[in-house]
Amino acid sequence: MPSTPETDDAHRTAPARNAPANATCATTPARRDPADATRRTPGTFLLIQTRPEDDAAASEFEAVQRLGGFVADQLVPLRLGAELLDRPAPTHDWPALVAEHAGVVLSGSPYTTSDAPETKSAVQHRVEAELRLLLEAVTAADSPFLGCCYGVGTLGRFAGGTVDTTYGESAGPVEVALTDDGAADPVLAGLPPRFHAYVGHKEALTTPPPGAVTLVRGQACPVQMFRLGRHQYATQFHPELDQAGVLERLRIYRDHGYMAPGDAAATFARIEAIDADQPPRVLENFRRVYESRAD
């Protein structure tokens, strides 16, 4: 399901590249070698948000910060939206931003990556172009990355997987299961072999990218989480939303196709009946594993 926030001074915004003189963003940091981990700001994570609605974005930031256990100023939000159309590409120095942070989190989005190009807005095309540049920087440096729901479409397509609408799921709780690889992965430490998670997506992986390791499986949607390389992760379910967050998100996006017309009351009832409290451990583990990583 979709998401992104315009934040106040308490929520620092990452620096933009080639921004107009009157832009309210900090000066672009000098380009650094992404392989030089000693130059990272220890423990600071970049949160990429693509939701145009200010309320959804602000709520998303709060949820990621709270559920992931990030302390004040540890999570740096960066919104990608309509403002990109007024700036030259690339808007940001992605290799420098990746090198500056201990990891990158990509939250949900209203966009569907597998939609036909002619149906996508100019903003969506530009957001997707910037995300490709981000993922080029992330994979080149083998830097930590966690994509939540939208991450499956972006990381999956970028790395050569097939993403389409075959395994879309209506909004609600589903039961998922760890694979053997998932049970051994530190980002899934402490999760039970089977657990409930909240989903709601129009597209999913039908064929994982070459080299991807499936960590969590589902019944209606086979690939619920995968890892690429050593440190890049993507989930189809939502580790960044609790029960209250899912209900709020669906109220904002109730007419965006995440549930059948007229099914809102039944959908809300299904969500209220099951408190899927395990998935946020993925977000918390990601923060814990990588906030002090030295390699």
C-alpha atoms as a PDB file:
ATOM      1  CA  MET A   1       0.000   0.000   0.000  1.00  0.00           C
ATOM      2  CA  PRO A   2       1.181   3.543  -0.703  1.00  0.00           C
ATOM      3  CA  SER A   3       3.118   6.263   1.475  1.00  0.00           C
ATOM      4  CA  THR A   4       5.390   9.618   1.987  1.00  0.00           C
ATOM      5  CA  PRO A   5       5.563  12.770   4.322  1.00  0.00           C
ATOM      6  CA  GLU A   6       6.448  16.466   4.255  1.00  0.00           C
ATOM      7  CA  THR A   7       8.179  16.868   7.565  1.00  0.00           C
ATOM      8  CA  ASP A   8       8.905  19.773   9.871  1.00  0.00           C
ATOM      9  CA  ASP A   9      12.243  20.902  11.225  1.00  0.00           C
ATOM     10  CA  ALA A  10      12.341  18.018  13.668  1.00  0.00           C
ATOM     11  CA  HIS A  11      12.398  15.625  10.705  1.00  0.00           C
ATOM     12  CA  ARG A  12      15.552  16.416   8.779  1.00  0.00           C
ATOM     13  CA  THR A  13      15.314  16.146   4.998  1.00  0.00           C
ATOM     14  CA  ALA A  14      18.232  14.661   3.093  1.00  0.00           C
ATOM     15  CA  PRO A  15      20.188  17.087   0.886  1.00  0.00           C
ATOM     16  CA  ALA A  16      19.144  17.558  -2.728  1.00  0.00           C
ATOM     17  CA  ARG A  17      21.433  17.896  -5.692  1.00  0.00           C
ATOM     18  CA  ASN A  18      21.077  20.767  -8.160  1.00  0.00           C
ATOM     19  CA  ALA A  19      18.232  22.228  -6.097  1.00  0.00           C
ATOM     20  CA  PRO A  20      17.138  25.768  -6.858  1.00  0.00           C
ATOM     21  CA  ALA A  21      18.715  28.509  -4.803  1.00  0.00           C
ATOM     22  CA  ASN A  22      15.589  29.034  -2.713  1.00  0.00           C
ATOM     23  CA  ALA A  23      15.157  25.336  -1.884  1.00  0.00           C
ATOM     24  CA  THR A  24      14.877  24.543   1.805  1.00  0.00           C
ATOM     25  CA  CYS A  25      17.312  21.660   1.787  1.00  0.00           C
ATOM     26  CA  ALA A  26      20.810  21.385   3.157  1.00  0.00           C
ATOM     27  CA  THR A  27      23.953  21.699   1.064  1.00  0.00           C
ATOM     28  CA  THR A  28      24.808  18.572  -0.905  1.00  0.00           C
ATOM     29  CA  PRO A  29      27.611  16.642   0.829  1.00  0.00           C
ATOM     30  CA  ALA A  30      30.873  16.130  -1.009  1.00  0.00           C
ATOM     31  CA  ARG A  31      30.960  12.948  -3.097  1.00  0.00           C
ATOM     32  CA  ARG A  32      32.409  10.074  -1.127  1.00  0.00           C
ATOM     33  CA  ASP A  33      33.576   6.604  -2.001  1.00  0.00           C
ATOM     34  CA  PRO A  34      30.589   4.304  -1.190  1.00  0.00           C
ATOM     35  CA  ALA A  35      33.021   1.499  -0.365  1.00  0.00           C
ATOM     36  CA  ASP A  36      34.571   3.539   2.440  1.00  0.00           C
ATOM     37  CA  ALA A  37      32.248   2.539   5.285  1.00  0.00           C
ATOM     38  CA  THR A  38      34.347   4.477   7.794  1.00  0.00           C
ATOM     39  CA  ARG A  39      32.845   7.660   6.336  1.00  0.00           C
ATOM     40  CA  ARG A  40      29.236   6.704   7.065  1.00  0.00           C
ATOM     41  CA  THR A  41      27.352   8.565   9.737  1.00  0.00           C
ATOM     42  CA  PRO A  42      27.047   5.757  12.313  1.00  0.00           C
ATOM     43  CA  GLY A  43      23.526   4.565  12.909  1.00  0.00           C
ATOM     44  CA  THR A  44      21.715   7.071  10.683  1.00  0.00           C
ATOM     45  CA  PHE A  45      19.167   5.661   8.202  1.00  0.00           C
ATOM     46  CA  LEU A  46      17.634   7.255   5.127  1.00  0.00           C
ATOM     47  CA  LEU A  47      13.851   6.850   4.752  1.00  0.00           C
ATOM     48  CA  ILE A  48      12.677   7.220   1.141  1.00  0.00           C
ATOM     49  CA  GLN A  49       8.999   8.167   0.834  1.00  0.00           C
ATOM     50  CA  THR A  50       6.898   8.511  -2.323  1.00  0.00           C
ATOM     51  CA  ARG A  51       3.408   9.208  -0.977  1.00  0.00           C
ATOM     52  CA  PRO A  52       2.024  12.583  -2.119  1.00  0.00           C
ATOM     53  CA  GLU A  53      -0.395  12.975   0.791  1.00  0.00           C
ATOM     54  CA  ASP A  54       1.137  14.922   3.664  1.00  0.00           C
ATOM     55  CA  ASP A  55      -0.962  13.174   6.323  1.00  0.00           C
ATOM     56  CA  ALA A  56      -0.088   9.697   5.057  1.00  0.00           C
ATOM     57  CA  ALA A  57       3.592  10.628   4.804  1.00  0.00           C
ATOM     58  CA  ALA A  58       3.757  12.091   8.297  1.00  0.00           C
ATOM     59  CA  SER A  59       1.966   9.071   9.750  1.00  0.00           C
ATOM     60  CA  GLU A  60       4.311   6.766   7.871  1.00  0.00           C
ATOM     61  CA  PHE A  61       7.409   8.490   9.216  1.00  0.00           C
ATOM     62  CA  GLU A  62       6.074   8.236  12.777  1.00  0.00           C
ATOM     63  CA  ALA A  63       5.272   4.538  12.342  1.00  0.00           C
ATOM     64  CA  VAL A  64       8.669   3.618  10.868  1.00  0.00           C
ATOM     65  CA  GLN A  65      10.473   5.539  13.598  1.00  0.00           C
ATOM     66  CA  ARG A  66       8.392   4.009  16.411  1.00  0.00           C
ATOM     67  CA  LEU A  67       8.129   0.416  15.202  1.00  0.00           C
ATOM     68  CA  GLY A  68      11.776   0.291  14.139  1.00  0.00           C
ATOM     69  CA  GLY A  69      13.002   1.658  17.459  1.00  0.00           C
ATOM     70  CA  PHE A  70      14.833   4.566  15.827  1.00  0.00           C
ATOM     71  CA  VAL A  71      15.906   7.266  18.274  1.00  0.00           C
ATOM     72  CA  ALA A  72      15.517  10.989  17.595  1.00  0.00           C
ATOM     73  CA  ASP A  73      17.336  12.112  14.422  1.00  0.00           C
ATOM     74  CA  GLN A  74      18.352   8.528  13.559  1.00  0.00           C
ATOM     75  CA  LEU A  75      15.855   8.356  10.707  1.00  0.00           C
ATOM     76  CA  VAL A  76      16.261  10.957   7.939  1.00  0.00           C
ATOM     77  CA  PRO A  77      13.202  11.322   5.665  1.00  0.00           C
ATOM     78  CA  LEU A  78      13.508  12.117   1.975  1.00  0.00           C
ATOM     79  CA  ARG A  79      10.312  12.596  -0.041  1.00  0.00           C
ATOM     80  CA  LEU A  80      10.243  12.019  -3.778  1.00  0.00           C
ATOM     81  CA  GLY A  81       7.286  13.621  -5.498  1.00  0.00           C
ATOM     82  CA  ALA A  82       6.057  16.383  -7.786  1.00  0.00           C
ATOM     83  CA  GLU A  83       8.938  18.677  -6.852  1.00  0.00           C
ATOM     84  CA  LEU A  84      11.223  16.415  -8.911  1.00  0.00           C
ATOM     85  CA  LEU A  85       9.693  17.786 -12.113  1.00  0.00           C
ATOM     86  CA  ASP A  86      11.173  21.221 -11.363  1.00  0.00           C
ATOM     87  CA  ARG A  87      14.719  19.942 -10.869  1.00  0.00           C
ATOM     88  CA  PRO A  88      17.348  18.523 -13.217  1.00  0.00           C
ATOM     89  CA  ALA A  89      17.995  14.799 -13.014  1.00  0.00           C
ATOM     90  CA  PRO A  90      19.487  13.274 -11.023  1.00  0.00           C
ATOM     91  CA  THR A  91      18.009  15.256  -8.172  1.00  0.00           C
ATOM     92  CA  HIS A  92      20.239  13.697  -5.526  1.00  0.00           C
ATOM     93  CA  ASP A  93      23.792  12.434  -5.358  1.00  0.00           C
ATOM     94  CA  TRP A  94      22.718   8.896  -4.551  1.00  0.00           C
ATOM     95  CA  PRO A  95      26.173   7.321  -4.102  1.00  0.00           C
ATOM     96  CA  ALA A  96      27.032  10.032  -1.580  1.00  0.00           C
ATOM     97  CA  LEU A  97      23.721   9.669   0.265  1.00  0.00           C
ATOM     98  CA  VAL A  98      24.084   5.897   0.435  1.00  0.00           C
ATOM     99  CA  ALA A  99      27.636   6.248   1.754  1.00  0.00           C
ATOM    100  CA  GLU A 100      26.492   8.784   4.353  1.00  0.00           C
ATOM    101  CA  HIS A 101      23.973   6.440   5.983  1.00  0.00           C
ATOM    102  CA  ALA A 102      24.064   3.069   7.686  1.00  0.00           C
ATOM    103  CA  GLY A 103      21.104   1.874   5.621  1.00  0.00           C
ATOM    104  CA  VAL A 104      18.163   2.841   3.427  1.00  0.00           C
ATOM    105  CA  VAL A 105      14.479   2.101   4.049  1.00  0.00           C
ATOM    106  CA  LEU A 106      11.966   2.465   1.207  1.00  0.00           C
ATOM    107  CA  SER A 107       8.402   2.658   2.488  1.00  0.00           C
ATOM    108  CA  GLY A 108       5.150   1.852   0.670  1.00  0.00           C
ATOM    109  CA  SER A 109       3.776   3.785  -2.269  1.00  0.00           C
ATOM    110  CA  PRO A 110       0.614   4.494  -4.253  1.00  0.00           C
ATOM    111  CA  TYR A 111       2.544   3.559  -7.401  1.00  0.00           C
ATOM    112  CA  THR A 112       2.453   0.187  -9.155  1.00  0.00           C
ATOM    113  CA  THR A 113       5.719  -0.486 -10.963  1.00  0.00           C
ATOM    114  CA  SER A 114       4.248  -2.974 -13.457  1.00  0.00           C
ATOM    115  CA  ASP A 115       1.594  -0.578 -14.801  1.00  0.00           C
ATOM    116  CA  ALA A 116       1.883   0.159 -18.519  1.00  0.00           C
ATOM    117  CA  PRO A 117       4.281   3.088 -19.078  1.00  0.00           C
ATOM    118  CA  GLU A 118       1.655   5.126 -20.922  1.00  0.00           C
ATOM    119  CA  THR A 119      -0.640   4.996 -17.890  1.00  0.00           C
ATOM    120  CA  LYS A 120       1.970   6.369 -15.485  1.00  0.00           C
ATOM    121  CA  SER A 121       2.090  10.051 -14.588  1.00  0.00           C
ATOM    122  CA  ALA A 122       5.136  12.216 -15.216  1.00  0.00           C
ATOM    123  CA  VAL A 123       5.748  12.224 -11.460  1.00  0.00           C
ATOM    124  CA  GLN A 124       5.709   8.434 -11.258  1.00  0.00           C
ATOM    125  CA  HIS A 125       8.150   8.137 -14.170  1.00  0.00           C
ATOM    126  CA  ARG A 126      10.493  10.573 -12.475  1.00  0.00           C
ATOM    127  CA  VAL A 127      10.211   8.868  -9.075  1.00  0.00           C
ATOM    128  CA  GLU A 128      10.981   5.498 -10.656  1.00  0.00           C
ATOM    129  CA  ALA A 129      14.011   6.973 -12.452  1.00  0.00           C
ATOM    130  CA  GLU A 130      15.388   8.339  -9.183  1.00  0.00           C
ATOM    131  CA  LEU A 131      14.775   5.015  -7.428  1.00  0.00           C
ATOM    132  CA  ARG A 132      16.714   3.190 -10.135  1.00  0.00           C
ATOM    133  CA  LEU A 133      19.666   5.492  -9.484  1.00  0.00           C
ATOM    134  CA  LEU A 134      19.312   4.875  -5.753  1.00  0.00           C
ATOM    135  CA  LEU A 135      19.317   1.102  -6.261  1.00  0.00           C
ATOM    136  CA  GLU A 136      22.329   1.328  -8.548  1.00  0.00           C
ATOM    137  CA  ALA A 137      24.191   3.041  -5.719  1.00  0.00           C
ATOM    138  CA  VAL A 138      22.908   0.600  -3.091  1.00  0.00           C
ATOM    139  CA  THR A 139      23.794  -2.547  -5.031  1.00  0.00           C
ATOM    140  CA  ALA A 140      27.158  -1.207  -6.221  1.00  0.00           C
ATOM    141  CA  ALA A 141      28.187  -0.629  -2.606  1.00  0.00           C
ATOM    142  CA  ASP A 142      26.273  -3.690  -1.296  1.00  0.00           C
ATOM    143  CA  SER A 143      24.732  -1.332   1.244  1.00  0.00           C
ATOM    144  CA  PRO A 144      21.851  -2.258   3.562  1.00  0.00           C
ATOM    145  CA  PHE A 145      18.418  -1.692   2.035  1.00  0.00           C
ATOM    146  CA  LEU A 146      14.930  -2.615   3.211  1.00  0.00           C
ATOM    147  CA  GLY A 147      12.011  -2.090   0.840  1.00  0.00           C
ATOM    148  CA  CYS A 148       8.581  -2.413   2.459  1.00  0.00           C
ATOM    149  CA  CYS A 149       5.858  -3.681   0.064  1.00  0.00           C
ATOM    150  CA  TYR A 150       6.763  -1.221  -2.738  1.00  0.00           C
ATOM    151  CA  GLY A 151      10.309  -2.530  -2.295  1.00  0.00           C
ATOM    152  CA  VAL A 152       9.393  -5.849  -3.921  1.00  0.00           C
ATOM    153  CA  GLY A 153       8.363  -4.123  -7.126  1.00  0.00           C
ATOM    154  CA  THR A 154      11.275  -1.698  -7.209  1.00  0.00           C
ATOM    155  CA  LEU A 155      14.113  -4.006  -6.127  1.00  0.00           C
ATOM    156  CA  GLY A 156      12.592  -7.022  -7.893  1.00  0.00           C
ATOM    157  CA  ARG A 157      12.251  -5.314 -11.287  1.00  0.00           C
ATOM    158  CA  PHE A 158      15.581  -3.519 -10.954  1.00  0.00           C
ATOM    159  CA  ALA A 159      17.406  -6.810 -10.345  1.00  0.00           C
ATOM    160  CA  GLY A 160      15.751  -8.662 -13.230  1.00  0.00           C
ATOM    161  CA  GLY A 161      12.759 -10.347 -11.604  1.00  0.00           C
ATOM    162  CA  THR A 162       9.260 -10.527 -13.061  1.00  0.00           C
ATOM    163  CA  VAL A 163       6.729  -8.309 -11.305  1.00  0.00           C
ATOM    164  CA  ASP A 164       3.088  -8.390 -12.397  1.00  0.00           C
ATOM    165  CA  THR A 165      -0.446  -8.671 -11.034  1.00  0.00           C
ATOM    166  CA  THR A 166      -0.566 -12.488 -10.849  1.00  0.00           C
ATOM    167  CA  TYR A 167      -0.211 -12.639  -7.075  1.00  0.00           C
ATOM    168  CA  GLY A 168      -1.859  -9.424  -5.935  1.00  0.00           C
ATOM    169  CA  GLU A 169      -3.609  -9.616  -2.550  1.00  0.00           C
ATOM    170  CA  SER A 170      -6.517  -7.627  -1.161  1.00  0.00           C
ATOM    171  CA  ALA A 171      -5.881  -5.704   2.031  1.00  0.00           C
ATOM    172  CA  GLY A 172      -5.962  -7.734   5.212  1.00  0.00           C
ATOM    173  CA  PRO A 173      -4.036 -10.195   7.398  1.00  0.00           C
ATOM    174  CA  VAL A 174      -2.487 -13.344   5.920  1.00  0.00           C
ATOM    175  CA  GLU A 175      -0.417 -16.152   7.373  1.00  0.00           C
ATOM    176  CA  VAL A 176       3.159 -16.436   6.105  1.00  0.00           C
ATOM    177  CA  ALA A 177       6.028 -18.806   6.880  1.00  0.00           C
ATOM    178  CA  LEU A 178       9.796 -18.548   7.190  1.00  0.00           C
ATOM    179  CA  THR A 179      11.916 -20.590   4.790  1.00  0.00           C
ATOM    180  CA  ASP A 180      15.053 -22.292   6.103  1.00  0.00           C
ATOM    181  CA  ASP A 181      17.067 -19.347   4.779  1.00  0.00           C
ATOM    182  CA  GLY A 182      14.692 -16.966   6.511  1.00  0.00           C
ATOM    183  CA  ALA A 183      15.010 -18.739   9.839  1.00  0.00           C
ATOM    184  CA  ALA A 184      18.797 -18.296   9.625  1.00  0.00           C
ATOM    185  CA  ASP A 185      18.749 -14.619   8.602  1.00  0.00           C
ATOM    186  CA  PRO A 186      19.494 -12.046  11.352  1.00  0.00           C
ATOM    187  CA  VAL A 187      16.904  -9.608   9.985  1.00  0.00           C
ATOM    188  CA  LEU A 188      14.243 -12.228  10.815  1.00  0.00           C
ATOM    189  CA  ALA A 189      15.675 -13.144  14.228  1.00  0.00           C
ATOM    190  CA  GLY A 190      13.037 -13.849  16.857  1.00  0.00           C
ATOM    191  CA  LEU A 191      10.135 -14.360  14.453  1.00  0.00           C
ATOM    192  CA  PRO A 192       8.172 -17.613  14.795  1.00  0.00           C
ATOM    193  CA  PRO A 193       8.151 -20.137  11.924  1.00  0.00           C
ATOM    194  CA  ARG A 194       4.637 -18.971  10.969  1.00  0.00           C
ATOM    195  CA  PHE A 195       3.077 -15.593  11.693  1.00  0.00           C
ATOM    196  CA  HIS A 196       0.374 -13.203  10.518  1.00  0.00           C
ATOM    197  CA  ALA A 197       1.222 -10.123   8.466  1.00  0.00           C
ATOM    198  CA  TYR A 198      -0.757  -7.317   6.880  1.00  0.00           C
ATOM    199  CA  VAL A 199      -0.763  -7.120   3.091  1.00  0.00           C
ATOM    200  CA  GLY A 200      -2.503  -5.136   0.377  1.00  0.00           C
ATOM    201  CA  HIS A 201      -0.864  -4.955  -3.051  1.00  0.00           C
ATOM    202  CA  LYS A 202      -1.775  -5.064  -6.719  1.00  0.00           C
ATOM    203  CA  GLU A 203       1.508  -6.565  -7.945  1.00  0.00           C
ATOM    204  CA  ALA A 204       4.073  -9.068  -6.687  1.00  0.00           C
ATOM    205  CA  LEU A 205       6.992 -11.200  -7.810  1.00  0.00           C
ATOM    206  CA  THR A 206       6.137 -14.096 -10.068  1.00  0.00           C
ATOM    207  CA  THR A 207       9.802 -14.834 -10.812  1.00  0.00           C
ATOM    208  CA  PRO A 208      12.455 -13.695  -8.296  1.00  0.00           C
ATOM    209  CA  PRO A 209      15.561 -11.916  -9.597  1.00  0.00           C
ATOM    210  CA  PRO A 210      18.658 -14.028 -10.339  1.00  0.00           C
ATOM    211  CA  GLY A 211      20.471 -14.788  -7.111  1.00  0.00           C
ATOM    212  CA  ALA A 212      17.583 -13.739  -4.868  1.00  0.00           C
ATOM    213  CA  VAL A 213      17.005 -15.800  -1.717  1.00  0.00           C
ATOM    214  CA  THR A 214      13.387 -16.249  -0.635  1.00  0.00           C
ATOM    215  CA  LEU A 215      13.078 -15.712   3.114  1.00  0.00           C
ATOM    216  CA  VAL A 216       9.315 -15.715   3.720  1.00  0.00           C
ATOM    217  CA  ARG A 217       6.604 -17.499   1.724  1.00  0.00           C
ATOM    218  CA  GLY A 218       2.839 -17.118   1.546  1.00  0.00           C
ATOM    219  CA  GLN A 219       0.016 -19.142   0.028  1.00  0.00           C
ATOM    220  CA  ALA A 220      -1.728 -16.666  -2.266  1.00  0.00           C
ATOM    221  CA  CYS A 221       1.525 -14.767  -2.865  1.00  0.00           C
ATOM    222  CA  PRO A 222       4.536 -17.135  -2.875  1.00  0.00           C
ATOM    223  CA  VAL A 223       7.351 -14.599  -2.330  1.00  0.00           C
ATOM    224  CA  GLN A 224       6.618 -12.489   0.735  1.00  0.00           C
ATOM    225  CA  MET A 225      10.236 -11.508   1.436  1.00  0.00           C
ATOM    226  CA  PHE A 226      13.567 -11.966  -0.326  1.00  0.00           C
ATOM    227  CA  ARG A 227      17.195 -10.973   0.043  1.00  0.00           C
ATOM    228  CA  LEU A 228      19.491  -9.865  -2.748  1.00  0.00           C
ATOM    229  CA  GLY A 229      23.247  -9.913  -2.237  1.00  0.00           C
ATOM    230  CA  ARG A 230      24.268  -9.764   1.401  1.00  0.00           C
ATOM    231  CA  HIS A 231      22.305  -6.771   2.625  1.00  0.00           C
ATOM    232  CA  GLN A 232      19.367  -5.853   0.360  1.00  0.00           C
ATOM    233  CA  TYR A 233      15.912  -6.941   1.532  1.00  0.00           C
ATOM    234  CA  ALA A 234      12.359  -6.506   0.267  1.00  0.00           C
ATOM    235  CA  THR A 235       9.092  -7.517   1.887  1.00  0.00           C
ATOM    236  CA  GLN A 236       5.668  -7.869   0.274  1.00  0.00           C
ATOM    237  CA  PHE A 237       3.952  -7.606   3.658  1.00  0.00           C
ATOM    238  CA  HIS A 238       4.155  -4.470   5.794  1.00  0.00           C
ATOM    239  CA  PRO A 239       6.761  -4.483   8.603  1.00  0.00           C
ATOM    240  CA  GLU A 240       6.311  -0.713   8.976  1.00  0.00           C
ATOM    241  CA  LEU A 241       2.600  -0.805   9.892  1.00  0.00           C
ATOM    242  CA  ASP A 242       0.777  -2.026  12.970  1.00  0.00           C
ATOM    243  CA  GLN A 243      -2.959  -2.659  13.177  1.00  0.00           C
ATOM    244  CA  ALA A 244      -3.877   0.986  13.774  1.00  0.00           C
ATOM    245  CA  GLY A 245      -1.548   2.068  10.960  1.00  0.00           C
ATOM    246  CA  VAL A 246      -3.074  -0.323   8.438  1.00  0.00           C
ATOM    247  CA  LEU A 247      -6.585   0.840   9.282  1.00  0.00           C
ATOM    248  CA  GLU A 248      -5.570   4.487   8.935  1.00  0.00           C
ATOM    249  CA  ARG A 249      -3.816   3.821   5.614  1.00  0.00           C
ATOM    250  CA  LEU A 250      -6.868   2.068   4.203  1.00  0.00           C
ATOM    251  CA  ARG A 251      -9.107   4.959   5.176  1.00  0.00           C
ATOM    252  CA  ILE A 252      -6.834   7.236   3.124  1.00  0.00           C
ATOM    253  CA  TYR A 253      -6.613   4.824   0.164  1.00  0.00           C
ATOM    254  CA  ARG A 254      -9.997   3.087   0.372  1.00  0.00           C
ATOM    255  CA  ASP A 255     -10.787   3.959  -3.258  1.00  0.00           C
ATOM    256  CA  HIS A 256      -7.392   3.008  -4.699  1.00  0.00           C
ATOM    257  CA  GLY A 257      -8.130  -0.644  -5.462  1.00  0.00           C
ATOM    258  CA  TYR A 258      -6.710  -2.336  -2.353  1.00  0.00           C
ATOM    259  CA  MET A 259     -10.107  -3.817  -1.489  1.00  0.00           C
ATOM    260  CA  ALA A 260     -13.193  -4.673  -3.507  1.00  0.00           C
ATOM    261  CA  PRO A 261     -15.851  -1.977  -3.888  1.00  0.00           C
ATOM    262  CA  GLY A 262     -18.283  -2.186  -0.988  1.00  0.00           C
ATOM    263  CA  ASP A 263     -15.927  -4.443   0.994  1.00  0.00           C
ATOM    264  CA  ALA A 264     -14.531  -1.770   3.325  1.00  0.00           C
ATOM    265  CA  ALA A 265     -16.483  -2.814   6.421  1.00  0.00           C
ATOM    266  CA  ALA A 266     -15.576  -6.493   6.014  1.00  0.00           C
ATOM    267  CA  THR A 267     -11.930  -5.612   5.333  1.00  0.00           C
ATOM    268  CA  PHE A 268     -11.679  -3.462   8.436  1.00  0.00           C
ATOM    269  CA  ALA A 269     -13.317  -6.247  10.474  1.00  0.00           C
ATOM    270  CA  ARG A 270     -10.769  -8.825   9.264  1.00  0.00           C
ATOM    271  CA  ILE A 271      -7.899  -6.532  10.212  1.00  0.00           C
ATOM    272  CA  GLU A 272      -9.378  -5.711  13.616  1.00  0.00           C
ATOM    273  CA  ALA A 273      -9.829  -9.439  14.315  1.00  0.00           C
ATOM    274  CA  ILE A 274      -6.111 -10.260  13.977  1.00  0.00           C
ATOM    275  CA  ASP A 275      -3.324  -8.227  15.548  1.00  0.00           C
ATOM    276  CA  ALA A 276      -0.329  -9.023  13.310  1.00  0.00           C
ATOM    277  CA  ASP A 277       2.330  -7.890  15.773  1.00  0.00           C
ATOM    278  CA  GLN A 278       5.341  -9.875  14.510  1.00  0.00           C
ATOM    279  CA  PRO A 279       6.333  -8.126  11.216  1.00  0.00           C
ATOM    280  CA  PRO A 280       7.642  -4.924  12.892  1.00  0.00           C
ATOM    281  CA  ARG A 281      10.450  -7.100  14.253  1.00  0.00           C
ATOM    282  CA  VAL A 282      11.841  -7.131  10.705  1.00  0.00           C
ATOM    283  CA  LEU A 283      12.168  -3.340  10.747  1.00  0.00           C
ATOM    284  CA  GLU A 284      13.593  -3.349  14.267  1.00  0.00           C
ATOM    285  CA  ASN A 285      16.092  -6.108  13.411  1.00  0.00           C
ATOM    286  CA  PHE A 286      17.195  -4.256  10.283  1.00  0.00           C
ATOM    287  CA  ARG A 287      17.938  -1.180  12.374  1.00  0.00           C
ATOM    288  CA  ARG A 288      19.687  -3.191  15.099  1.00  0.00           C
ATOM    289  CA  VAL A 289      21.840  -5.254  12.705  1.00  0.00           C
ATOM    290  CA  TYR A 290      23.056  -2.342  10.613  1.00  0.00           C
ATOM    291  CA  GLU A 291      23.226   0.697  12.902  1.00  0.00           C
ATOM    292  CA  SER A 292      26.736  -0.246  13.995  1.00  0.00           C
ATOM    293  CA  ARG A 293      27.871  -2.317  11.012  1.00  0.00           C
ATOM    294  CA  ALA A 294      31.587  -1.961  10.324  1.00  0.00           C
ATOM    295  CA  ASP A 295      31.931  -3.779   6.974  1.00  0.00           C
END
